[in-house]
Amino acid sequence: MITIYDKKFDFFMTAEEVQAVIRRLADEISNDMRDLDPIFCPVLSGSFLFAADLVRKLDFDPEISFVKFSSYDGLQSTGQVKELIGFPDSVRGRHVLIVEDIIETGISMAAMLKKLYEKEPASVKVCTLMHKPELLQCDVQMDYIGREIPNAFIVGYGFDYNGHGRTYPDIYSLSDAEE
């Protein structure tokens, strides 16, 4: 168990399990995209660890351009998506892979996709390390899903609680006593 601020979190997934999921995703993406000269757009801040490990496991060298959209405050989404760092103009005519740490409601991803399609990419694929299918509210196509998880608030391996907890190599979920 770990404590971040006023919340306790229980063990959820080992670093080794996370890396096995990423290896599988990297193999799938390599098979599909190696010949397309894609541009990967990891979503800051949560996906930075995932994106770094993912691209190092690929069998090709994609261009990388970070984007940042935000909708979270504390433990939940505000429902308002803010574009802090948008997609570069260089996505026009390119094959794009959005790399996200987690897709829950899909509201943020739907907003990102709308902005991205305005720039006329050749194709768009979405990769997420974690997905909470029971929370999905938008019709968002996910091409690569690392793992489906229940509706649990998680920290570690890039996932945070108010900016903290990202650097744990394992993943933890909010303790039942805290919910």
N, C-alpha and C. Protein backbone atom coordinates (compact mmCIF):
# COMPACT_ATOMS: atom_id res chain seq x y z
N MET A 1 0.85 -1.19 0.00
CA MET A 1 0.00 0.00 0.00
C MET A 1 0.89 1.24 0.00
N ILE A 2 0.44 2.27 -0.74
CA ILE A 2 1.14 3.55 -0.73
C ILE A 2 0.13 4.64 -0.36
N THR A 3 0.65 5.79 0.08
CA THR A 3 -0.19 6.93 0.41
C THR A 3 0.27 8.13 -0.40
N ILE A 4 -0.69 8.80 -1.02
CA ILE A 4 -0.41 10.04 -1.74
C ILE A 4 -1.40 11.06 -1.21
N TYR A 5 -0.86 12.14 -0.67
CA TYR A 5 -1.67 13.16 0.00
C TYR A 5 -2.53 12.47 1.05
N ASP A 6 -3.83 12.56 0.88
CA ASP A 6 -4.79 12.03 1.85
C ASP A 6 -5.38 10.69 1.44
N LYS A 7 -4.86 10.05 0.39
CA LYS A 7 -5.45 8.82 -0.15
C LYS A 7 -4.50 7.64 -0.04
N LYS A 8 -5.07 6.47 0.19
CA LYS A 8 -4.31 5.22 0.23
C LYS A 8 -4.62 4.41 -1.03
N PHE A 9 -3.58 3.79 -1.56
CA PHE A 9 -3.70 3.02 -2.79
C PHE A 9 -3.14 1.62 -2.56
N ASP A 10 -3.86 0.61 -3.06
CA ASP A 10 -3.46 -0.78 -2.96
C ASP A 10 -2.76 -1.22 -4.24
N PHE A 11 -1.92 -2.24 -4.13
CA PHE A 11 -1.21 -2.79 -5.27
C PHE A 11 -2.21 -3.27 -6.33
N PHE A 12 -1.92 -3.01 -7.62
CA PHE A 12 -2.81 -3.38 -8.71
C PHE A 12 -2.11 -4.20 -9.80
N MET A 13 -0.90 -3.78 -10.23
CA MET A 13 -0.23 -4.43 -11.37
C MET A 13 1.28 -4.22 -11.25
N THR A 14 2.05 -5.28 -11.46
CA THR A 14 3.51 -5.17 -11.35
C THR A 14 4.10 -4.46 -12.56
N ALA A 15 5.29 -3.93 -12.37
CA ALA A 15 6.04 -3.31 -13.46
C ALA A 15 6.29 -4.33 -14.57
N GLU A 16 6.55 -5.57 -14.21
CA GLU A 16 6.79 -6.62 -15.20
C GLU A 16 5.54 -6.89 -16.04
N GLU A 17 4.39 -6.89 -15.40
CA GLU A 17 3.13 -7.08 -16.14
C GLU A 17 2.89 -5.91 -17.10
N VAL A 18 3.19 -4.71 -16.65
CA VAL A 18 3.04 -3.52 -17.50
C VAL A 18 3.95 -3.66 -18.73
N GLN A 19 5.20 -4.05 -18.52
CA GLN A 19 6.14 -4.17 -19.63
C GLN A 19 5.73 -5.27 -20.61
N ALA A 20 5.13 -6.35 -20.13
CA ALA A 20 4.64 -7.41 -21.02
C ALA A 20 3.52 -6.90 -21.90
N VAL A 21 2.63 -6.09 -21.34
CA VAL A 21 1.54 -5.49 -22.12
C VAL A 21 2.13 -4.57 -23.20
N ILE A 22 3.12 -3.77 -22.81
CA ILE A 22 3.73 -2.84 -23.76
C ILE A 22 4.46 -3.59 -24.88
N ARG A 23 5.11 -4.69 -24.55
CA ARG A 23 5.80 -5.50 -25.57
C ARG A 23 4.78 -6.00 -26.61
N ARG A 24 3.62 -6.48 -26.14
CA ARG A 24 2.57 -6.95 -27.04
C ARG A 24 2.08 -5.82 -27.95
N LEU A 25 1.83 -4.64 -27.35
CA LEU A 25 1.38 -3.49 -28.14
C LEU A 25 2.43 -3.09 -29.17
N ALA A 26 3.70 -3.06 -28.77
CA ALA A 26 4.78 -2.68 -29.69
C ALA A 26 4.86 -3.64 -30.86
N ASP A 27 4.68 -4.93 -30.60
CA ASP A 27 4.70 -5.91 -31.69
C ASP A 27 3.55 -5.66 -32.66
N GLU A 28 2.35 -5.42 -32.14
CA GLU A 28 1.18 -5.16 -33.00
C GLU A 28 1.39 -3.89 -33.82
N ILE A 29 1.85 -2.83 -33.17
CA ILE A 29 2.05 -1.55 -33.86
C ILE A 29 3.15 -1.67 -34.90
N SER A 30 4.23 -2.37 -34.56
CA SER A 30 5.32 -2.57 -35.52
C SER A 30 4.81 -3.28 -36.77
N ASN A 31 4.02 -4.32 -36.58
CA ASN A 31 3.47 -5.06 -37.72
C ASN A 31 2.59 -4.18 -38.60
N ASP A 32 1.82 -3.30 -37.99
CA ASP A 32 0.86 -2.48 -38.72
C ASP A 32 1.45 -1.20 -39.32
N MET A 33 2.46 -0.61 -38.68
CA MET A 33 2.84 0.76 -39.04
C MET A 33 4.29 0.94 -39.48
N ARG A 34 5.10 -0.08 -39.42
CA ARG A 34 6.54 0.11 -39.69
C ARG A 34 6.84 0.71 -41.05
N ASP A 35 6.01 0.46 -42.05
CA ASP A 35 6.28 0.95 -43.40
C ASP A 35 5.53 2.24 -43.75
N LEU A 36 4.91 2.88 -42.75
CA LEU A 36 4.06 4.04 -43.02
C LEU A 36 4.70 5.39 -42.68
N ASP A 37 5.91 5.40 -42.14
CA ASP A 37 6.54 6.63 -41.66
C ASP A 37 5.56 7.43 -40.78
N PRO A 38 5.08 6.81 -39.70
CA PRO A 38 4.06 7.47 -38.87
C PRO A 38 4.64 8.55 -37.96
N ILE A 39 3.76 9.38 -37.48
CA ILE A 39 4.09 10.33 -36.43
C ILE A 39 3.28 9.91 -35.20
N PHE A 40 3.98 9.70 -34.10
CA PHE A 40 3.34 9.32 -32.85
C PHE A 40 3.09 10.59 -32.04
N CYS A 41 1.90 10.70 -31.49
CA CYS A 41 1.54 11.86 -30.67
C CYS A 41 1.15 11.39 -29.27
N PRO A 42 2.14 11.24 -28.39
CA PRO A 42 1.83 10.89 -27.01
C PRO A 42 1.16 12.06 -26.30
N VAL A 43 0.19 11.74 -25.45
CA VAL A 43 -0.57 12.76 -24.74
C VAL A 43 0.06 12.98 -23.37
N LEU A 44 0.55 14.19 -23.15
CA LEU A 44 1.15 14.55 -21.86
C LEU A 44 0.05 14.85 -20.85
N SER A 45 0.26 14.64 -19.59
CA SER A 45 1.53 14.24 -19.02
C SER A 45 1.57 12.74 -18.75
N GLY A 46 0.41 12.12 -18.66
CA GLY A 46 0.32 10.74 -18.21
C GLY A 46 1.02 9.71 -19.07
N SER A 47 1.08 9.92 -20.38
CA SER A 47 1.60 8.85 -21.25
C SER A 47 3.11 8.91 -21.46
N PHE A 48 3.82 9.83 -20.82
CA PHE A 48 5.23 9.98 -21.16
C PHE A 48 6.05 8.73 -20.86
N LEU A 49 5.81 8.05 -19.75
CA LEU A 49 6.56 6.81 -19.45
C LEU A 49 6.17 5.70 -20.42
N PHE A 50 4.87 5.54 -20.62
CA PHE A 50 4.36 4.53 -21.54
C PHE A 50 4.91 4.76 -22.94
N ALA A 51 4.83 5.99 -23.43
CA ALA A 51 5.31 6.30 -24.78
C ALA A 51 6.80 6.01 -24.92
N ALA A 52 7.58 6.36 -23.92
CA ALA A 52 9.03 6.12 -23.97
C ALA A 52 9.32 4.63 -24.05
N ASP A 53 8.66 3.84 -23.22
CA ASP A 53 8.89 2.39 -23.25
C ASP A 53 8.36 1.78 -24.55
N LEU A 54 7.22 2.27 -25.01
CA LEU A 54 6.63 1.74 -26.24
C LEU A 54 7.54 1.95 -27.44
N VAL A 55 8.01 3.16 -27.65
CA VAL A 55 8.82 3.43 -28.86
C VAL A 55 10.16 2.70 -28.82
N ARG A 56 10.68 2.44 -27.64
CA ARG A 56 11.95 1.69 -27.55
C ARG A 56 11.76 0.21 -27.85
N LYS A 57 10.53 -0.27 -27.83
CA LYS A 57 10.26 -1.68 -28.14
C LYS A 57 9.82 -1.89 -29.59
N LEU A 58 9.63 -0.82 -30.35
CA LEU A 58 9.25 -0.93 -31.75
C LEU A 58 10.44 -1.40 -32.58
N ASP A 59 10.15 -1.94 -33.77
CA ASP A 59 11.25 -2.31 -34.66
C ASP A 59 11.46 -1.26 -35.77
N PHE A 60 10.96 -0.04 -35.52
CA PHE A 60 11.18 1.09 -36.43
C PHE A 60 11.26 2.36 -35.58
N ASP A 61 11.62 3.46 -36.23
CA ASP A 61 11.86 4.72 -35.53
C ASP A 61 10.83 5.76 -35.96
N PRO A 62 9.73 5.92 -35.19
CA PRO A 62 8.71 6.89 -35.59
C PRO A 62 9.11 8.31 -35.20
N GLU A 63 8.55 9.28 -35.92
CA GLU A 63 8.65 10.67 -35.48
C GLU A 63 7.73 10.81 -34.27
N ILE A 64 8.11 11.68 -33.32
CA ILE A 64 7.32 11.86 -32.10
C ILE A 64 7.05 13.34 -31.90
N SER A 65 5.79 13.67 -31.61
CA SER A 65 5.40 15.04 -31.30
C SER A 65 4.36 15.00 -30.19
N PHE A 66 4.73 15.51 -29.03
CA PHE A 66 3.84 15.47 -27.87
C PHE A 66 2.69 16.46 -28.00
N VAL A 67 1.54 16.07 -27.46
CA VAL A 67 0.37 16.94 -27.37
C VAL A 67 -0.08 16.94 -25.91
N LYS A 68 -0.86 17.94 -25.55
CA LYS A 68 -1.36 17.99 -24.17
C LYS A 68 -2.78 18.53 -24.17
N PHE A 69 -3.68 17.70 -23.70
CA PHE A 69 -5.08 18.05 -23.51
C PHE A 69 -5.40 17.67 -22.08
N SER A 70 -6.20 18.46 -21.40
CA SER A 70 -6.46 18.18 -19.99
C SER A 70 -7.94 18.30 -19.68
N SER A 71 -8.41 17.40 -18.81
CA SER A 71 -9.80 17.49 -18.34
C SER A 71 -9.92 17.08 -16.88
N TYR A 72 -8.80 16.74 -16.24
CA TYR A 72 -8.86 16.21 -14.88
C TYR A 72 -8.57 17.26 -13.82
N ASP A 73 -9.24 17.10 -12.69
CA ASP A 73 -8.97 17.87 -11.48
C ASP A 73 -9.17 16.91 -10.32
N GLY A 74 -8.09 16.54 -9.64
CA GLY A 74 -8.21 15.58 -8.54
C GLY A 74 -8.51 14.19 -9.04
N LEU A 75 -9.59 13.59 -8.54
CA LEU A 75 -9.93 12.21 -8.86
C LEU A 75 -10.85 12.05 -10.06
N GLN A 76 -11.38 13.15 -10.60
CA GLN A 76 -12.30 12.97 -11.71
C GLN A 76 -12.19 14.04 -12.78
N SER A 77 -12.80 13.70 -13.91
CA SER A 77 -12.80 14.59 -15.06
C SER A 77 -13.74 15.76 -14.81
N THR A 78 -13.35 16.91 -15.32
CA THR A 78 -14.21 18.10 -15.22
C THR A 78 -15.27 18.10 -16.32
N GLY A 79 -15.06 17.27 -17.34
CA GLY A 79 -15.97 17.26 -18.49
C GLY A 79 -15.60 18.31 -19.52
N GLN A 80 -14.69 19.21 -19.19
CA GLN A 80 -14.21 20.25 -20.10
C GLN A 80 -12.80 19.88 -20.55
N VAL A 81 -12.59 19.82 -21.85
CA VAL A 81 -11.29 19.44 -22.40
C VAL A 81 -10.57 20.70 -22.86
N LYS A 82 -9.38 20.91 -22.30
CA LYS A 82 -8.57 22.08 -22.67
C LYS A 82 -7.40 21.62 -23.54
N GLU A 83 -7.19 22.31 -24.66
CA GLU A 83 -6.04 22.05 -25.53
C GLU A 83 -4.89 22.92 -25.06
N LEU A 84 -3.88 22.30 -24.47
CA LEU A 84 -2.73 23.03 -23.96
C LEU A 84 -1.57 23.03 -24.96
N ILE A 85 -1.35 21.89 -25.63
CA ILE A 85 -0.38 21.78 -26.72
C ILE A 85 -1.07 20.97 -27.81
N GLY A 86 -1.36 21.59 -28.93
CA GLY A 86 -2.14 20.93 -29.98
C GLY A 86 -1.28 20.10 -30.91
N PHE A 87 -1.94 19.48 -31.87
CA PHE A 87 -1.25 18.67 -32.87
C PHE A 87 -0.48 19.58 -33.83
N PRO A 88 0.71 19.17 -34.22
CA PRO A 88 1.50 20.01 -35.14
C PRO A 88 0.91 19.97 -36.55
N ASP A 89 1.18 20.99 -37.32
CA ASP A 89 0.72 21.04 -38.71
C ASP A 89 1.33 19.90 -39.53
N SER A 90 2.47 19.36 -39.07
CA SER A 90 3.15 18.30 -39.81
C SER A 90 2.37 16.99 -39.85
N VAL A 91 1.22 16.89 -39.17
CA VAL A 91 0.41 15.66 -39.25
C VAL A 91 -0.38 15.59 -40.56
N ARG A 92 -0.51 16.71 -41.24
CA ARG A 92 -1.27 16.73 -42.50
C ARG A 92 -0.68 15.71 -43.48
N GLY A 93 -1.53 14.80 -43.94
CA GLY A 93 -1.11 13.80 -44.90
C GLY A 93 -0.30 12.65 -44.31
N ARG A 94 -0.15 12.63 -43.01
CA ARG A 94 0.67 11.60 -42.34
C ARG A 94 -0.21 10.59 -41.62
N HIS A 95 0.36 9.44 -41.35
CA HIS A 95 -0.28 8.41 -40.53
C HIS A 95 0.05 8.73 -39.08
N VAL A 96 -0.97 8.90 -38.26
CA VAL A 96 -0.80 9.37 -36.89
C VAL A 96 -1.25 8.29 -35.91
N LEU A 97 -0.45 8.10 -34.87
CA LEU A 97 -0.84 7.24 -33.75
C LEU A 97 -0.88 8.10 -32.50
N ILE A 98 -2.06 8.23 -31.91
CA ILE A 98 -2.19 8.90 -30.62
C ILE A 98 -1.86 7.87 -29.54
N VAL A 99 -0.94 8.22 -28.66
CA VAL A 99 -0.53 7.33 -27.57
C VAL A 99 -1.05 7.92 -26.27
N GLU A 100 -1.98 7.22 -25.65
CA GLU A 100 -2.66 7.70 -24.44
C GLU A 100 -2.43 6.71 -23.30
N ASP A 101 -2.38 7.22 -22.08
CA ASP A 101 -2.20 6.33 -20.94
C ASP A 101 -3.48 5.59 -20.60
N ILE A 102 -4.61 6.30 -20.60
CA ILE A 102 -5.88 5.68 -20.23
C ILE A 102 -7.04 6.36 -20.94
N ILE A 103 -8.01 5.56 -21.36
CA ILE A 103 -9.25 6.09 -21.91
C ILE A 103 -10.36 5.60 -21.00
N GLU A 104 -11.08 6.58 -20.45
CA GLU A 104 -12.18 6.26 -19.53
C GLU A 104 -13.49 6.61 -20.22
N THR A 105 -13.93 7.86 -20.12
CA THR A 105 -15.20 8.27 -20.73
C THR A 105 -15.07 8.41 -22.24
N GLY A 106 -13.87 8.71 -22.72
CA GLY A 106 -13.64 8.95 -24.14
C GLY A 106 -13.88 10.40 -24.54
N ILE A 107 -14.32 11.22 -23.59
CA ILE A 107 -14.61 12.63 -23.90
C ILE A 107 -13.35 13.36 -24.35
N SER A 108 -12.26 13.19 -23.63
CA SER A 108 -11.00 13.85 -24.03
C SER A 108 -10.52 13.35 -25.38
N MET A 109 -10.59 12.02 -25.59
CA MET A 109 -10.12 11.47 -26.86
C MET A 109 -10.99 11.96 -28.01
N ALA A 110 -12.29 12.03 -27.82
CA ALA A 110 -13.18 12.54 -28.88
C ALA A 110 -12.81 13.97 -29.25
N ALA A 111 -12.51 14.80 -28.24
CA ALA A 111 -12.12 16.19 -28.49
C ALA A 111 -10.78 16.25 -29.23
N MET A 112 -9.84 15.39 -28.83
CA MET A 112 -8.53 15.35 -29.50
C MET A 112 -8.69 14.92 -30.95
N LEU A 113 -9.49 13.89 -31.19
CA LEU A 113 -9.68 13.40 -32.55
C LEU A 113 -10.30 14.46 -33.44
N LYS A 114 -11.25 15.20 -32.90
CA LYS A 114 -11.88 16.29 -33.67
C LYS A 114 -10.82 17.30 -34.10
N LYS A 115 -9.96 17.70 -33.17
CA LYS A 115 -8.88 18.66 -33.49
C LYS A 115 -7.90 18.06 -34.51
N LEU A 116 -7.57 16.80 -34.34
CA LEU A 116 -6.61 16.16 -35.24
C LEU A 116 -7.17 16.05 -36.65
N TYR A 117 -8.41 15.62 -36.80
CA TYR A 117 -8.99 15.48 -38.14
C TYR A 117 -9.07 16.80 -38.89
N GLU A 118 -9.14 17.92 -38.17
CA GLU A 118 -9.12 19.23 -38.83
C GLU A 118 -7.81 19.46 -39.57
N LYS A 119 -6.76 18.75 -39.18
CA LYS A 119 -5.44 18.91 -39.81
C LYS A 119 -5.21 17.92 -40.96
N GLU A 120 -6.22 17.14 -41.29
CA GLU A 120 -6.23 16.25 -42.45
C GLU A 120 -5.08 15.23 -42.49
N PRO A 121 -4.98 14.38 -41.47
CA PRO A 121 -3.97 13.31 -41.52
C PRO A 121 -4.38 12.24 -42.52
N ALA A 122 -3.42 11.44 -42.98
CA ALA A 122 -3.73 10.33 -43.90
C ALA A 122 -4.55 9.27 -43.19
N SER A 123 -4.20 8.98 -41.95
CA SER A 123 -4.94 8.02 -41.14
C SER A 123 -4.67 8.31 -39.67
N VAL A 124 -5.56 7.81 -38.82
CA VAL A 124 -5.41 8.00 -37.37
C VAL A 124 -5.69 6.68 -36.68
N LYS A 125 -4.80 6.33 -35.78
CA LYS A 125 -4.99 5.17 -34.90
C LYS A 125 -4.80 5.65 -33.47
N VAL A 126 -5.44 4.93 -32.54
CA VAL A 126 -5.37 5.27 -31.13
C VAL A 126 -4.83 4.07 -30.36
N CYS A 127 -3.84 4.32 -29.53
CA CYS A 127 -3.26 3.31 -28.65
C CYS A 127 -3.44 3.78 -27.21
N THR A 128 -3.98 2.93 -26.36
CA THR A 128 -4.11 3.26 -24.95
C THR A 128 -3.58 2.11 -24.11
N LEU A 129 -2.84 2.45 -23.08
CA LEU A 129 -2.32 1.43 -22.18
C LEU A 129 -3.46 0.80 -21.38
N MET A 130 -4.35 1.63 -20.87
CA MET A 130 -5.48 1.15 -20.06
C MET A 130 -6.79 1.69 -20.62
N HIS A 131 -7.85 0.91 -20.43
CA HIS A 131 -9.19 1.33 -20.88
C HIS A 131 -10.21 0.85 -19.86
N LYS A 132 -11.13 1.75 -19.50
CA LYS A 132 -12.22 1.42 -18.58
C LYS A 132 -13.52 1.36 -19.40
N PRO A 133 -13.85 0.20 -19.97
CA PRO A 133 -15.00 0.12 -20.86
C PRO A 133 -16.32 0.50 -20.23
N GLU A 134 -16.49 0.27 -18.94
CA GLU A 134 -17.78 0.58 -18.31
C GLU A 134 -18.04 2.08 -18.19
N LEU A 135 -17.01 2.89 -18.36
CA LEU A 135 -17.18 4.35 -18.26
C LEU A 135 -17.33 5.04 -19.62
N LEU A 136 -17.07 4.32 -20.71
CA LEU A 136 -17.05 4.93 -22.03
C LEU A 136 -18.39 5.58 -22.38
N GLN A 137 -18.34 6.87 -22.73
CA GLN A 137 -19.54 7.64 -23.07
C GLN A 137 -19.54 8.08 -24.53
N CYS A 138 -18.41 7.98 -25.20
CA CYS A 138 -18.29 8.44 -26.59
C CYS A 138 -17.90 7.26 -27.48
N ASP A 139 -18.30 7.34 -28.72
CA ASP A 139 -17.93 6.31 -29.68
C ASP A 139 -16.52 6.62 -30.18
N VAL A 140 -15.54 6.07 -29.49
CA VAL A 140 -14.14 6.32 -29.82
C VAL A 140 -13.50 5.00 -30.26
N GLN A 141 -12.94 5.00 -31.46
CA GLN A 141 -12.25 3.82 -31.97
C GLN A 141 -10.88 3.70 -31.30
N MET A 142 -10.64 2.58 -30.64
CA MET A 142 -9.33 2.30 -30.05
C MET A 142 -8.73 1.13 -30.81
N ASP A 143 -7.60 1.36 -31.44
CA ASP A 143 -6.98 0.35 -32.29
C ASP A 143 -6.06 -0.59 -31.52
N TYR A 144 -5.46 -0.07 -30.45
CA TYR A 144 -4.54 -0.86 -29.64
C TYR A 144 -4.88 -0.60 -28.17
N ILE A 145 -5.33 -1.64 -27.48
CA ILE A 145 -5.69 -1.52 -26.07
C ILE A 145 -4.78 -2.45 -25.28
N GLY A 146 -4.04 -1.86 -24.36
CA GLY A 146 -3.14 -2.66 -23.53
C GLY A 146 -3.90 -3.58 -22.60
N ARG A 147 -4.78 -2.99 -21.80
CA ARG A 147 -5.53 -3.79 -20.83
C ARG A 147 -6.82 -3.07 -20.47
N GLU A 148 -7.91 -3.81 -20.43
CA GLU A 148 -9.16 -3.28 -19.92
C GLU A 148 -9.17 -3.48 -18.41
N ILE A 149 -9.59 -2.43 -17.69
CA ILE A 149 -9.60 -2.50 -16.24
C ILE A 149 -10.96 -2.05 -15.72
N PRO A 150 -11.28 -2.43 -14.49
CA PRO A 150 -12.54 -1.95 -13.90
C PRO A 150 -12.43 -0.47 -13.56
N ASN A 151 -13.53 0.10 -13.14
CA ASN A 151 -13.56 1.51 -12.77
C ASN A 151 -12.84 1.72 -11.44
N ALA A 152 -11.53 1.80 -11.52
CA ALA A 152 -10.69 2.04 -10.34
C ALA A 152 -9.78 3.22 -10.65
N PHE A 153 -9.56 4.08 -9.68
CA PHE A 153 -8.64 5.20 -9.87
C PHE A 153 -7.23 4.67 -9.62
N ILE A 154 -6.34 4.81 -10.63
CA ILE A 154 -5.01 4.22 -10.52
C ILE A 154 -3.91 5.29 -10.52
N VAL A 155 -2.80 4.93 -9.87
CA VAL A 155 -1.60 5.76 -9.86
C VAL A 155 -0.39 4.86 -10.11
N GLY A 156 0.71 5.49 -10.46
CA GLY A 156 1.94 4.77 -10.78
C GLY A 156 2.09 4.63 -12.27
N TYR A 157 3.32 4.41 -12.71
CA TYR A 157 3.65 4.26 -14.12
C TYR A 157 2.99 5.33 -15.00
N GLY A 158 3.11 6.58 -14.56
CA GLY A 158 2.60 7.71 -15.33
C GLY A 158 1.25 8.21 -14.86
N PHE A 159 0.47 7.36 -14.22
CA PHE A 159 -0.85 7.77 -13.71
C PHE A 159 -0.64 8.52 -12.40
N ASP A 160 -1.41 9.60 -12.20
CA ASP A 160 -1.16 10.43 -11.03
C ASP A 160 -2.43 10.78 -10.28
N TYR A 161 -2.20 11.25 -9.08
CA TYR A 161 -3.25 11.87 -8.26
C TYR A 161 -2.75 13.27 -7.95
N ASN A 162 -3.37 14.26 -8.54
CA ASN A 162 -2.98 15.67 -8.38
C ASN A 162 -1.48 15.88 -8.61
N GLY A 163 -0.95 15.26 -9.65
CA GLY A 163 0.44 15.46 -10.05
C GLY A 163 1.45 14.56 -9.36
N HIS A 164 1.03 13.74 -8.43
CA HIS A 164 1.97 12.86 -7.72
C HIS A 164 1.62 11.40 -7.94
N GLY A 165 2.63 10.55 -7.77
CA GLY A 165 2.44 9.11 -7.91
C GLY A 165 2.84 8.56 -9.26
N ARG A 166 3.21 9.42 -10.20
CA ARG A 166 3.55 8.97 -11.56
C ARG A 166 4.77 8.08 -11.62
N THR A 167 5.72 8.27 -10.72
CA THR A 167 7.02 7.63 -10.86
C THR A 167 7.13 6.23 -10.28
N TYR A 168 6.08 5.74 -9.63
CA TYR A 168 6.12 4.36 -9.15
C TYR A 168 6.17 3.41 -10.35
N PRO A 169 7.04 2.40 -10.35
CA PRO A 169 7.10 1.47 -11.49
C PRO A 169 5.90 0.53 -11.55
N ASP A 170 5.30 0.23 -10.40
CA ASP A 170 4.10 -0.60 -10.34
C ASP A 170 2.88 0.32 -10.40
N ILE A 171 1.70 -0.28 -10.58
CA ILE A 171 0.46 0.49 -10.60
C ILE A 171 -0.37 0.11 -9.38
N TYR A 172 -0.99 1.12 -8.79
CA TYR A 172 -1.80 0.97 -7.58
C TYR A 172 -3.19 1.53 -7.84
N SER A 173 -4.18 0.99 -7.15
CA SER A 173 -5.55 1.49 -7.29
C SER A 173 -6.02 2.04 -5.95
N LEU A 174 -6.90 3.01 -6.02
CA LEU A 174 -7.44 3.65 -4.84
C LEU A 174 -8.04 2.58 -3.93
N SER A 175 -7.66 2.61 -2.68
CA SER A 175 -8.15 1.63 -1.71
C SER A 175 -9.66 1.70 -1.57
N ASP A 176 -10.30 0.55 -1.42
CA ASP A 176 -11.76 0.52 -1.24
C ASP A 176 -12.19 1.37 -0.06
N ALA A 177 -11.35 1.46 0.94
CA ALA A 177 -11.69 2.27 2.13
C ALA A 177 -11.71 3.75 1.80
N GLU A 178 -11.06 4.15 0.69
CA GLU A 178 -10.97 5.57 0.32
C GLU A 178 -12.12 6.01 -0.58
N GLU A 179 -12.83 5.08 -1.20
CA GLU A 179 -13.85 5.44 -2.19
C GLU A 179 -15.12 5.93 -1.55
